[in-house]
Amino acid sequence: MYRNKKEKLYVKELMDRPLISYPAYYHVSRSMLNNDYLHSAIIALHSMDFHYYKAAESYEKIFETFASGAFAIYKELYIVGYFGDKMMYLEANGWHAMPANRDIFNLEHWLV
């Protein structure tokens, strides 16, 4: 079975002095490697500069963000995208399915 080759996207390639240094890189697909929306979300997360983001007013706003191709930030810890009808969060070793626990339904945890 053919598997997409993952590339390392280093945070240092996007910004000089990240405030948050872990993870130092993310494994992403080649198409995500050049995704400007993902780059801006990574920069916001690692600089803790969320002035372009605001708290989600409703669940519809979160899904509007996904529909526009952008990424939401969850609990100021994770970048979240929507792929194949699944919400996925980004960690160093790639995208993982978002666990549906009680916290995910708290709008205070979402930035769009």
N, C-alpha and C. Protein backbone atom coordinates (compact mmCIF):
# COMPACT_ATOMS: atom_id res chain seq x y z
N MET A 1 0.83 -1.17 0.00
CA MET A 1 0.00 0.00 0.00
C MET A 1 0.89 1.25 0.00
N TYR A 2 0.53 2.22 -0.81
CA TYR A 2 1.30 3.46 -0.93
C TYR A 2 1.00 4.37 0.25
N ARG A 3 2.04 4.86 0.88
CA ARG A 3 1.88 5.78 2.00
C ARG A 3 2.53 7.10 1.63
N ASN A 4 1.86 8.18 1.95
CA ASN A 4 2.43 9.50 1.69
C ASN A 4 3.67 9.70 2.53
N LYS A 5 4.72 10.19 1.89
CA LYS A 5 5.95 10.48 2.62
C LYS A 5 5.74 11.73 3.45
N LYS A 6 6.12 11.64 4.69
CA LYS A 6 6.00 12.77 5.61
C LYS A 6 7.32 13.55 5.61
N GLU A 7 7.19 14.84 5.73
CA GLU A 7 8.34 15.74 5.77
C GLU A 7 8.37 16.40 7.14
N LYS A 8 9.56 16.80 7.57
CA LYS A 8 9.69 17.53 8.83
C LYS A 8 9.59 19.03 8.54
N LEU A 9 8.67 19.67 9.21
CA LEU A 9 8.52 21.12 9.14
C LEU A 9 9.06 21.68 10.45
N TYR A 10 10.26 22.27 10.37
CA TYR A 10 10.92 22.79 11.56
C TYR A 10 10.37 24.17 11.93
N VAL A 11 10.09 24.36 13.19
CA VAL A 11 9.59 25.64 13.68
C VAL A 11 10.62 26.73 13.44
N LYS A 12 11.90 26.41 13.57
CA LYS A 12 12.98 27.38 13.35
C LYS A 12 13.00 27.90 11.92
N GLU A 13 12.46 27.14 10.97
CA GLU A 13 12.39 27.61 9.59
C GLU A 13 11.32 28.69 9.42
N LEU A 14 10.34 28.71 10.33
CA LEU A 14 9.25 29.67 10.25
C LEU A 14 9.48 30.91 11.09
N MET A 15 10.25 30.77 12.16
CA MET A 15 10.48 31.91 13.06
C MET A 15 11.84 31.75 13.74
N ASP A 16 12.46 32.88 14.06
CA ASP A 16 13.80 32.86 14.63
C ASP A 16 13.85 32.40 16.08
N ARG A 17 13.00 33.00 16.90
CA ARG A 17 13.05 32.72 18.35
C ARG A 17 11.68 32.30 18.86
N PRO A 18 11.36 31.02 18.74
CA PRO A 18 10.05 30.59 19.25
C PRO A 18 10.01 30.67 20.78
N LEU A 19 8.91 31.17 21.29
CA LEU A 19 8.70 31.23 22.73
C LEU A 19 8.48 29.82 23.28
N ILE A 20 7.76 29.02 22.53
CA ILE A 20 7.53 27.61 22.87
C ILE A 20 8.40 26.79 21.93
N SER A 21 9.36 26.08 22.47
CA SER A 21 10.32 25.38 21.63
C SER A 21 9.97 23.90 21.38
N TYR A 22 8.97 23.39 22.08
CA TYR A 22 8.59 21.99 21.87
C TYR A 22 7.20 21.93 21.28
N PRO A 23 6.97 21.15 20.29
CA PRO A 23 7.94 20.37 19.54
C PRO A 23 8.74 21.26 18.60
N ALA A 24 9.95 20.84 18.30
CA ALA A 24 10.83 21.62 17.43
C ALA A 24 10.45 21.45 15.96
N TYR A 25 9.71 20.39 15.65
CA TYR A 25 9.29 20.14 14.26
C TYR A 25 7.99 19.35 14.28
N TYR A 26 7.34 19.35 13.13
CA TYR A 26 6.12 18.57 12.94
C TYR A 26 6.28 17.72 11.69
N HIS A 27 5.83 16.48 11.75
CA HIS A 27 5.78 15.63 10.56
C HIS A 27 4.48 15.94 9.82
N VAL A 28 4.59 16.40 8.59
CA VAL A 28 3.42 16.76 7.80
C VAL A 28 3.60 16.23 6.38
N SER A 29 2.50 16.16 5.65
CA SER A 29 2.56 15.73 4.26
C SER A 29 3.21 16.83 3.42
N ARG A 30 3.59 16.48 2.22
CA ARG A 30 4.20 17.47 1.33
C ARG A 30 3.25 18.62 1.03
N SER A 31 1.97 18.33 0.91
CA SER A 31 1.02 19.41 0.64
C SER A 31 0.89 20.35 1.83
N MET A 32 0.98 19.84 3.05
CA MET A 32 0.90 20.67 4.25
C MET A 32 2.20 21.44 4.50
N LEU A 33 3.29 20.95 3.94
CA LEU A 33 4.59 21.58 4.14
C LEU A 33 4.59 23.03 3.66
N ASN A 34 3.82 23.33 2.63
CA ASN A 34 3.78 24.68 2.06
C ASN A 34 2.45 25.38 2.31
N ASN A 35 1.67 24.91 3.27
CA ASN A 35 0.36 25.48 3.56
C ASN A 35 0.53 26.73 4.44
N ASP A 36 0.20 27.90 3.86
CA ASP A 36 0.38 29.16 4.59
C ASP A 36 -0.50 29.26 5.83
N TYR A 37 -1.72 28.70 5.76
CA TYR A 37 -2.59 28.71 6.94
C TYR A 37 -1.97 27.93 8.09
N LEU A 38 -1.37 26.79 7.76
CA LEU A 38 -0.71 25.99 8.79
C LEU A 38 0.51 26.73 9.34
N HIS A 39 1.27 27.35 8.47
CA HIS A 39 2.44 28.12 8.93
C HIS A 39 2.03 29.21 9.90
N SER A 40 0.97 29.96 9.57
CA SER A 40 0.55 31.04 10.46
C SER A 40 0.04 30.50 11.80
N ALA A 41 -0.62 29.35 11.78
CA ALA A 41 -1.08 28.74 13.04
C ALA A 41 0.11 28.28 13.89
N ILE A 42 1.11 27.71 13.26
CA ILE A 42 2.31 27.27 13.99
C ILE A 42 3.04 28.47 14.58
N ILE A 43 3.17 29.53 13.81
CA ILE A 43 3.83 30.74 14.31
C ILE A 43 3.05 31.31 15.48
N ALA A 44 1.73 31.38 15.37
CA ALA A 44 0.91 31.90 16.48
C ALA A 44 1.08 31.04 17.72
N LEU A 45 1.05 29.73 17.55
CA LEU A 45 1.16 28.82 18.69
C LEU A 45 2.52 28.91 19.36
N HIS A 46 3.58 28.95 18.56
CA HIS A 46 4.93 28.94 19.14
C HIS A 46 5.40 30.31 19.60
N SER A 47 4.72 31.37 19.19
CA SER A 47 5.06 32.71 19.69
C SER A 47 4.07 33.15 20.77
N MET A 48 2.99 32.37 20.95
CA MET A 48 1.91 32.70 21.87
C MET A 48 1.31 34.07 21.53
N ASP A 49 1.30 34.39 20.25
CA ASP A 49 0.75 35.64 19.76
C ASP A 49 -0.55 35.33 19.03
N PHE A 50 -1.65 35.50 19.74
CA PHE A 50 -2.95 35.12 19.20
C PHE A 50 -3.79 36.33 18.80
N HIS A 51 -3.15 37.45 18.44
CA HIS A 51 -3.93 38.65 18.14
C HIS A 51 -4.78 38.50 16.88
N TYR A 52 -4.45 37.57 16.00
CA TYR A 52 -5.30 37.31 14.83
C TYR A 52 -6.44 36.35 15.16
N TYR A 53 -6.38 35.72 16.31
CA TYR A 53 -7.37 34.74 16.72
C TYR A 53 -8.32 35.36 17.73
N LYS A 54 -9.51 34.81 17.80
CA LYS A 54 -10.46 35.24 18.82
C LYS A 54 -11.18 33.99 19.34
N ALA A 55 -11.76 34.12 20.51
CA ALA A 55 -12.50 33.00 21.08
C ALA A 55 -13.68 32.66 20.19
N ALA A 56 -13.93 31.39 20.03
CA ALA A 56 -15.04 30.93 19.19
C ALA A 56 -16.37 31.30 19.86
N GLU A 57 -17.24 31.92 19.12
CA GLU A 57 -18.54 32.31 19.64
C GLU A 57 -19.55 31.17 19.56
N SER A 58 -19.33 30.27 18.62
CA SER A 58 -20.24 29.14 18.45
C SER A 58 -19.48 28.02 17.75
N TYR A 59 -20.08 26.85 17.76
CA TYR A 59 -19.47 25.72 17.06
C TYR A 59 -19.46 25.97 15.55
N GLU A 60 -20.43 26.72 15.06
CA GLU A 60 -20.47 27.04 13.63
C GLU A 60 -19.23 27.82 13.21
N LYS A 61 -18.75 28.72 14.07
CA LYS A 61 -17.55 29.50 13.76
C LYS A 61 -16.33 28.59 13.63
N ILE A 62 -16.27 27.58 14.48
CA ILE A 62 -15.15 26.64 14.40
C ILE A 62 -15.18 25.92 13.05
N PHE A 63 -16.35 25.44 12.65
CA PHE A 63 -16.44 24.72 11.39
C PHE A 63 -16.35 25.64 10.17
N GLU A 64 -16.71 26.91 10.32
CA GLU A 64 -16.47 27.88 9.25
C GLU A 64 -14.97 28.07 9.05
N THR A 65 -14.22 28.08 10.14
CA THR A 65 -12.77 28.19 10.06
C THR A 65 -12.20 27.00 9.29
N PHE A 66 -12.66 25.80 9.63
CA PHE A 66 -12.20 24.61 8.92
C PHE A 66 -12.58 24.66 7.45
N ALA A 67 -13.80 25.09 7.16
CA ALA A 67 -14.27 25.13 5.78
C ALA A 67 -13.47 26.12 4.93
N SER A 68 -12.95 27.17 5.56
CA SER A 68 -12.15 28.14 4.81
C SER A 68 -10.73 27.65 4.55
N GLY A 69 -10.37 26.51 5.11
CA GLY A 69 -9.03 25.96 4.93
C GLY A 69 -8.06 26.35 6.03
N ALA A 70 -8.53 27.14 6.98
CA ALA A 70 -7.68 27.58 8.08
C ALA A 70 -7.72 26.55 9.22
N PHE A 71 -6.97 26.82 10.24
CA PHE A 71 -6.85 25.91 11.37
C PHE A 71 -7.26 26.64 12.65
N ALA A 72 -7.92 25.92 13.53
CA ALA A 72 -8.28 26.46 14.84
C ALA A 72 -7.17 26.08 15.83
N ILE A 73 -7.14 26.78 16.93
CA ILE A 73 -6.19 26.45 18.00
C ILE A 73 -7.01 26.05 19.21
N TYR A 74 -6.64 24.92 19.81
CA TYR A 74 -7.37 24.36 20.93
C TYR A 74 -6.54 24.49 22.21
N LYS A 75 -7.11 25.13 23.21
CA LYS A 75 -6.50 25.30 24.53
C LYS A 75 -5.11 25.94 24.46
N GLU A 76 -4.82 26.68 23.42
CA GLU A 76 -3.52 27.31 23.21
C GLU A 76 -2.39 26.27 23.27
N LEU A 77 -2.73 25.03 22.90
CA LEU A 77 -1.75 23.94 22.91
C LEU A 77 -1.64 23.22 21.57
N TYR A 78 -2.76 23.11 20.85
CA TYR A 78 -2.79 22.29 19.65
C TYR A 78 -3.39 23.04 18.48
N ILE A 79 -2.86 22.76 17.31
CA ILE A 79 -3.45 23.22 16.06
C ILE A 79 -4.41 22.13 15.62
N VAL A 80 -5.62 22.52 15.25
CA VAL A 80 -6.64 21.54 14.89
C VAL A 80 -7.12 21.81 13.46
N GLY A 81 -7.19 20.75 12.68
CA GLY A 81 -7.73 20.82 11.32
C GLY A 81 -8.86 19.83 11.16
N TYR A 82 -9.49 19.86 10.01
CA TYR A 82 -10.64 18.99 9.75
C TYR A 82 -10.37 18.27 8.44
N PHE A 83 -10.11 16.96 8.52
CA PHE A 83 -9.75 16.16 7.35
C PHE A 83 -10.59 14.90 7.31
N GLY A 84 -11.18 14.61 6.18
CA GLY A 84 -11.95 13.38 6.02
C GLY A 84 -13.03 13.22 7.06
N ASP A 85 -13.75 14.31 7.36
CA ASP A 85 -14.82 14.32 8.36
C ASP A 85 -14.35 13.99 9.77
N LYS A 86 -13.07 14.26 10.04
CA LYS A 86 -12.54 14.07 11.39
C LYS A 86 -11.77 15.32 11.80
N MET A 87 -11.95 15.71 13.06
CA MET A 87 -11.13 16.77 13.61
C MET A 87 -9.83 16.13 14.06
N MET A 88 -8.72 16.74 13.61
CA MET A 88 -7.40 16.19 13.90
C MET A 88 -6.54 17.27 14.53
N TYR A 89 -5.72 16.89 15.50
CA TYR A 89 -4.79 17.84 16.10
C TYR A 89 -3.37 17.45 15.73
N LEU A 90 -2.50 18.45 15.64
CA LEU A 90 -1.13 18.24 15.17
C LEU A 90 -0.18 18.10 16.34
N GLU A 91 0.59 17.02 16.32
CA GLU A 91 1.69 16.81 17.26
C GLU A 91 2.96 16.59 16.45
N ALA A 92 4.08 16.44 17.12
CA ALA A 92 5.35 16.30 16.43
C ALA A 92 5.35 15.14 15.44
N ASN A 93 4.72 14.04 15.79
CA ASN A 93 4.75 12.88 14.90
C ASN A 93 3.57 12.82 13.94
N GLY A 94 2.86 13.93 13.79
CA GLY A 94 1.81 13.99 12.77
C GLY A 94 0.44 14.30 13.34
N TRP A 95 -0.56 14.14 12.48
CA TRP A 95 -1.95 14.42 12.83
C TRP A 95 -2.56 13.23 13.56
N HIS A 96 -3.35 13.52 14.60
CA HIS A 96 -4.04 12.49 15.37
C HIS A 96 -5.51 12.87 15.51
N ALA A 97 -6.36 11.87 15.60
CA ALA A 97 -7.80 12.13 15.78
C ALA A 97 -8.02 12.82 17.11
N MET A 98 -8.87 13.82 17.08
CA MET A 98 -9.18 14.61 18.28
C MET A 98 -10.08 13.78 19.20
N PRO A 99 -9.66 13.56 20.45
CA PRO A 99 -10.51 12.79 21.35
C PRO A 99 -11.76 13.60 21.72
N ALA A 100 -12.88 12.96 21.72
CA ALA A 100 -14.16 13.63 22.03
C ALA A 100 -14.44 13.51 23.52
N ASN A 101 -13.77 14.34 24.30
CA ASN A 101 -14.02 14.35 25.74
C ASN A 101 -14.83 15.60 26.09
N ARG A 102 -15.14 15.76 27.32
CA ARG A 102 -16.00 16.86 27.76
C ARG A 102 -15.38 18.22 27.43
N ASP A 103 -14.06 18.36 27.54
CA ASP A 103 -13.39 19.64 27.30
C ASP A 103 -13.55 20.15 25.88
N ILE A 104 -13.68 19.24 24.94
CA ILE A 104 -13.79 19.67 23.54
C ILE A 104 -15.06 20.48 23.29
N PHE A 105 -16.06 20.31 24.11
CA PHE A 105 -17.33 21.02 23.94
C PHE A 105 -17.36 22.38 24.66
N ASN A 106 -16.28 22.72 25.33
CA ASN A 106 -16.19 24.01 26.01
C ASN A 106 -15.64 25.04 25.03
N LEU A 107 -16.46 25.98 24.62
CA LEU A 107 -16.04 26.97 23.62
C LEU A 107 -14.89 27.85 24.09
N GLU A 108 -14.70 27.96 25.39
CA GLU A 108 -13.59 28.76 25.92
C GLU A 108 -12.23 28.23 25.50
N HIS A 109 -12.17 26.96 25.12
CA HIS A 109 -10.89 26.34 24.75
C HIS A 109 -10.51 26.55 23.29
N TRP A 110 -11.39 27.14 22.49
CA TRP A 110 -11.17 27.26 21.05
C TRP A 110 -10.83 28.69 20.63
N LEU A 111 -9.82 28.82 19.79
CA LEU A 111 -9.49 30.09 19.14
C LEU A 111 -9.63 29.89 17.63
N VAL A 112 -10.31 30.81 16.98
CA VAL A 112 -10.50 30.71 15.53
C VAL A 112 -10.00 31.97 14.85
